[in-house]
Amino acid sequence: MFPQPSVVEELLKFVRVDLVTDLPNDVSRKKRDLQGERFKNNTLPLYVILDSEGQELDRAGYMRSADDYVAFLRGDPKSAD
């Protein structure tokens, strides 16, 4: 994650949920299965923005910069996928 203040400021606008899916244990495997079933994707990292009803608004994978991540969080259509 990006520790820059701009990212932290944007993340405060969200309810954040982390699914740790890459550890060699049963809990991580179950979370990996949940991610695959719910989002049809087991890419790491996978960032998904949901609305209050649980509907997917946007998703993205790896981003090279904090600016790209902030753009994604703000819903900028030019943000990296």
N, C-alpha and C. Protein backbone atom coordinates (compact mmCIF):
# COMPACT_ATOMS: atom_id res chain seq x y z
N MET A 1 0.85 -1.18 0.00
CA MET A 1 0.00 0.00 0.00
C MET A 1 0.89 1.23 0.00
N PHE A 2 0.33 2.33 -0.37
CA PHE A 2 1.08 3.58 -0.45
C PHE A 2 0.84 4.40 0.84
N PRO A 3 1.90 4.72 1.58
CA PRO A 3 1.72 5.47 2.83
C PRO A 3 1.62 6.99 2.65
N GLN A 4 1.60 7.47 1.42
CA GLN A 4 1.56 8.91 1.18
C GLN A 4 0.26 9.51 1.73
N PRO A 5 0.35 10.75 2.22
CA PRO A 5 -0.84 11.41 2.78
C PRO A 5 -2.02 11.47 1.82
N SER A 6 -1.77 11.65 0.53
CA SER A 6 -2.88 11.73 -0.43
C SER A 6 -3.66 10.42 -0.48
N VAL A 7 -2.97 9.30 -0.37
CA VAL A 7 -3.62 7.99 -0.38
C VAL A 7 -4.38 7.78 0.92
N VAL A 8 -3.74 8.09 2.03
CA VAL A 8 -4.38 7.93 3.34
C VAL A 8 -5.66 8.76 3.39
N GLU A 9 -5.61 9.98 2.89
CA GLU A 9 -6.78 10.86 2.88
C GLU A 9 -7.93 10.24 2.08
N GLU A 10 -7.64 9.68 0.92
CA GLU A 10 -8.69 9.05 0.11
C GLU A 10 -9.23 7.79 0.78
N LEU A 11 -8.35 6.99 1.37
CA LEU A 11 -8.80 5.74 1.99
C LEU A 11 -9.71 5.98 3.19
N LEU A 12 -9.60 7.14 3.83
CA LEU A 12 -10.48 7.46 4.96
C LEU A 12 -11.93 7.59 4.52
N LYS A 13 -12.17 7.71 3.23
CA LYS A 13 -13.53 7.83 2.70
C LYS A 13 -14.19 6.47 2.47
N PHE A 14 -13.45 5.39 2.73
CA PHE A 14 -13.92 4.03 2.44
C PHE A 14 -13.94 3.19 3.70
N VAL A 15 -14.75 2.14 3.67
CA VAL A 15 -14.64 1.05 4.63
C VAL A 15 -13.72 0.05 3.97
N ARG A 16 -12.57 -0.18 4.57
CA ARG A 16 -11.57 -1.02 3.94
C ARG A 16 -11.64 -2.45 4.45
N VAL A 17 -11.56 -3.39 3.53
CA VAL A 17 -11.55 -4.80 3.87
C VAL A 17 -10.34 -5.42 3.19
N ASP A 18 -9.53 -6.10 3.95
CA ASP A 18 -8.36 -6.77 3.40
C ASP A 18 -8.59 -8.28 3.45
N LEU A 19 -8.36 -8.93 2.33
CA LEU A 19 -8.37 -10.39 2.29
C LEU A 19 -6.94 -10.85 2.07
N VAL A 20 -6.32 -11.38 3.10
CA VAL A 20 -4.96 -11.92 2.96
C VAL A 20 -5.11 -13.32 2.38
N THR A 21 -4.69 -13.48 1.13
CA THR A 21 -4.94 -14.73 0.42
C THR A 21 -3.68 -15.49 0.04
N ASP A 22 -2.53 -15.00 0.44
CA ASP A 22 -1.29 -15.60 -0.05
C ASP A 22 -0.44 -16.26 1.04
N LEU A 23 -1.05 -16.60 2.16
CA LEU A 23 -0.32 -17.33 3.20
C LEU A 23 -0.61 -18.82 3.06
N PRO A 24 0.32 -19.66 3.48
CA PRO A 24 0.13 -21.12 3.33
C PRO A 24 -0.67 -21.72 4.49
N ASN A 25 -1.93 -21.30 4.64
CA ASN A 25 -2.76 -21.88 5.69
C ASN A 25 -4.22 -21.96 5.22
N ASP A 26 -5.04 -22.65 6.00
CA ASP A 26 -6.44 -22.87 5.61
C ASP A 26 -7.25 -21.57 5.57
N VAL A 27 -7.01 -20.65 6.49
CA VAL A 27 -7.76 -19.39 6.50
C VAL A 27 -7.48 -18.61 5.23
N SER A 28 -6.22 -18.52 4.86
CA SER A 28 -5.85 -17.80 3.64
C SER A 28 -6.44 -18.49 2.41
N ARG A 29 -6.43 -19.82 2.39
CA ARG A 29 -7.01 -20.56 1.27
C ARG A 29 -8.50 -20.27 1.14
N LYS A 30 -9.21 -20.23 2.27
CA LYS A 30 -10.64 -19.94 2.25
C LYS A 30 -10.91 -18.52 1.74
N LYS A 31 -10.06 -17.57 2.13
CA LYS A 31 -10.21 -16.19 1.64
C LYS A 31 -9.90 -16.11 0.15
N ARG A 32 -8.92 -16.89 -0.30
CA ARG A 32 -8.58 -16.94 -1.73
C ARG A 32 -9.77 -17.50 -2.51
N ASP A 33 -10.39 -18.55 -1.98
CA ASP A 33 -11.58 -19.13 -2.62
C ASP A 33 -12.71 -18.11 -2.67
N LEU A 34 -12.91 -17.38 -1.57
CA LEU A 34 -13.95 -16.35 -1.52
C LEU A 34 -13.69 -15.28 -2.57
N GLN A 35 -12.45 -14.82 -2.67
CA GLN A 35 -12.10 -13.81 -3.67
C GLN A 35 -12.38 -14.32 -5.08
N GLY A 36 -11.99 -15.55 -5.34
CA GLY A 36 -12.22 -16.13 -6.66
C GLY A 36 -13.69 -16.28 -6.99
N GLU A 37 -14.47 -16.72 -6.01
CA GLU A 37 -15.91 -16.89 -6.24
C GLU A 37 -16.61 -15.54 -6.41
N ARG A 38 -16.30 -14.60 -5.56
CA ARG A 38 -17.01 -13.30 -5.57
C ARG A 38 -16.60 -12.42 -6.74
N PHE A 39 -15.29 -12.41 -7.05
CA PHE A 39 -14.79 -11.48 -8.05
C PHE A 39 -14.27 -12.15 -9.31
N LYS A 40 -14.33 -13.49 -9.35
CA LYS A 40 -13.87 -14.25 -10.52
C LYS A 40 -12.43 -13.87 -10.89
N ASN A 41 -11.62 -13.63 -9.85
CA ASN A 41 -10.26 -13.17 -10.07
C ASN A 41 -9.45 -13.41 -8.80
N ASN A 42 -8.29 -14.02 -8.95
CA ASN A 42 -7.40 -14.24 -7.81
C ASN A 42 -6.09 -13.49 -7.95
N THR A 43 -6.10 -12.43 -8.77
CA THR A 43 -4.92 -11.62 -8.98
C THR A 43 -4.51 -10.93 -7.68
N LEU A 44 -3.20 -10.82 -7.48
CA LEU A 44 -2.68 -10.06 -6.34
C LEU A 44 -1.78 -8.96 -6.86
N PRO A 45 -2.00 -7.74 -6.42
CA PRO A 45 -3.15 -7.32 -5.62
C PRO A 45 -4.39 -7.13 -6.49
N LEU A 46 -5.52 -7.19 -5.84
CA LEU A 46 -6.79 -6.89 -6.49
C LEU A 46 -7.50 -5.85 -5.63
N TYR A 47 -7.75 -4.69 -6.19
CA TYR A 47 -8.48 -3.63 -5.51
C TYR A 47 -9.87 -3.55 -6.13
N VAL A 48 -10.90 -3.61 -5.28
CA VAL A 48 -12.27 -3.56 -5.76
C VAL A 48 -13.02 -2.51 -4.94
N ILE A 49 -13.73 -1.65 -5.62
CA ILE A 49 -14.58 -0.67 -4.94
C ILE A 49 -16.02 -1.11 -5.11
N LEU A 50 -16.71 -1.26 -3.97
CA LEU A 50 -18.11 -1.67 -3.95
C LEU A 50 -18.96 -0.53 -3.41
N ASP A 51 -20.21 -0.46 -3.86
CA ASP A 51 -21.11 0.53 -3.27
C ASP A 51 -21.71 -0.05 -1.99
N SER A 52 -22.59 0.71 -1.35
CA SER A 52 -23.15 0.28 -0.06
C SER A 52 -24.05 -0.95 -0.18
N GLU A 53 -24.43 -1.30 -1.41
CA GLU A 53 -25.26 -2.49 -1.65
C GLU A 53 -24.41 -3.69 -2.05
N GLY A 54 -23.09 -3.50 -2.11
CA GLY A 54 -22.20 -4.59 -2.48
C GLY A 54 -21.99 -4.75 -3.97
N GLN A 55 -22.48 -3.78 -4.75
CA GLN A 55 -22.30 -3.83 -6.20
C GLN A 55 -20.93 -3.26 -6.57
N GLU A 56 -20.26 -3.92 -7.47
CA GLU A 56 -18.94 -3.49 -7.87
C GLU A 56 -19.01 -2.23 -8.72
N LEU A 57 -18.20 -1.24 -8.32
CA LEU A 57 -18.12 0.02 -9.06
C LEU A 57 -16.87 0.07 -9.94
N ASP A 58 -15.79 -0.49 -9.44
CA ASP A 58 -14.53 -0.46 -10.19
C ASP A 58 -13.59 -1.49 -9.59
N ARG A 59 -12.58 -1.84 -10.38
CA ARG A 59 -11.53 -2.74 -9.89
C ARG A 59 -10.24 -2.44 -10.61
N ALA A 60 -9.15 -2.79 -9.97
CA ALA A 60 -7.83 -2.59 -10.55
C ALA A 60 -6.86 -3.57 -9.92
N GLY A 61 -5.75 -3.75 -10.61
CA GLY A 61 -4.67 -4.58 -10.08
C GLY A 61 -3.51 -3.70 -9.66
N TYR A 62 -2.32 -4.19 -9.91
CA TYR A 62 -1.10 -3.48 -9.51
C TYR A 62 -1.03 -2.08 -10.10
N MET A 63 -0.62 -1.15 -9.28
CA MET A 63 -0.41 0.23 -9.73
C MET A 63 0.99 0.67 -9.33
N ARG A 64 1.64 1.36 -10.24
CA ARG A 64 3.03 1.75 -10.02
C ARG A 64 3.19 2.96 -9.11
N SER A 65 2.18 3.79 -9.02
CA SER A 65 2.39 5.02 -8.26
C SER A 65 1.20 5.34 -7.36
N ALA A 66 1.50 6.14 -6.35
CA ALA A 66 0.44 6.61 -5.46
C ALA A 66 -0.56 7.47 -6.22
N ASP A 67 -0.09 8.24 -7.19
CA ASP A 67 -0.99 9.07 -7.99
C ASP A 67 -2.00 8.21 -8.75
N ASP A 68 -1.55 7.10 -9.31
CA ASP A 68 -2.47 6.19 -10.01
C ASP A 68 -3.51 5.63 -9.04
N TYR A 69 -3.06 5.28 -7.83
CA TYR A 69 -3.96 4.70 -6.84
C TYR A 69 -4.99 5.73 -6.39
N VAL A 70 -4.57 6.96 -6.15
CA VAL A 70 -5.50 8.02 -5.78
C VAL A 70 -6.51 8.26 -6.89
N ALA A 71 -6.04 8.28 -8.13
CA ALA A 71 -6.96 8.46 -9.26
C ALA A 71 -8.00 7.34 -9.29
N PHE A 72 -7.57 6.12 -9.06
CA PHE A 72 -8.49 4.98 -9.00
C PHE A 72 -9.51 5.18 -7.89
N LEU A 73 -9.05 5.55 -6.70
CA LEU A 73 -9.96 5.74 -5.56
C LEU A 73 -10.96 6.86 -5.81
N ARG A 74 -10.55 7.85 -6.56
CA ARG A 74 -11.44 8.97 -6.86
C ARG A 74 -12.38 8.68 -8.03
N GLY A 75 -12.19 7.53 -8.68
CA GLY A 75 -13.07 7.17 -9.79
C GLY A 75 -12.65 7.78 -11.10
N ASP A 76 -11.39 8.20 -11.20
CA ASP A 76 -10.88 8.78 -12.44
C ASP A 76 -10.85 7.70 -13.52
N PRO A 77 -11.56 7.90 -14.63
CA PRO A 77 -11.59 6.86 -15.68
C PRO A 77 -10.24 6.63 -16.34
N LYS A 78 -9.28 7.50 -16.11
CA LYS A 78 -7.95 7.35 -16.70
C LYS A 78 -7.03 6.55 -15.79
N SER A 79 -7.52 6.11 -14.63
CA SER A 79 -6.65 5.40 -13.71
C SER A 79 -6.21 4.06 -14.29
N ALA A 80 -5.07 3.58 -13.82
CA ALA A 80 -4.50 2.34 -14.35
C ALA A 80 -5.35 1.15 -13.96
N ASP A 81 -5.44 0.18 -14.86
CA ASP A 81 -6.15 -1.09 -14.60
C ASP A 81 -5.16 -2.15 -14.21
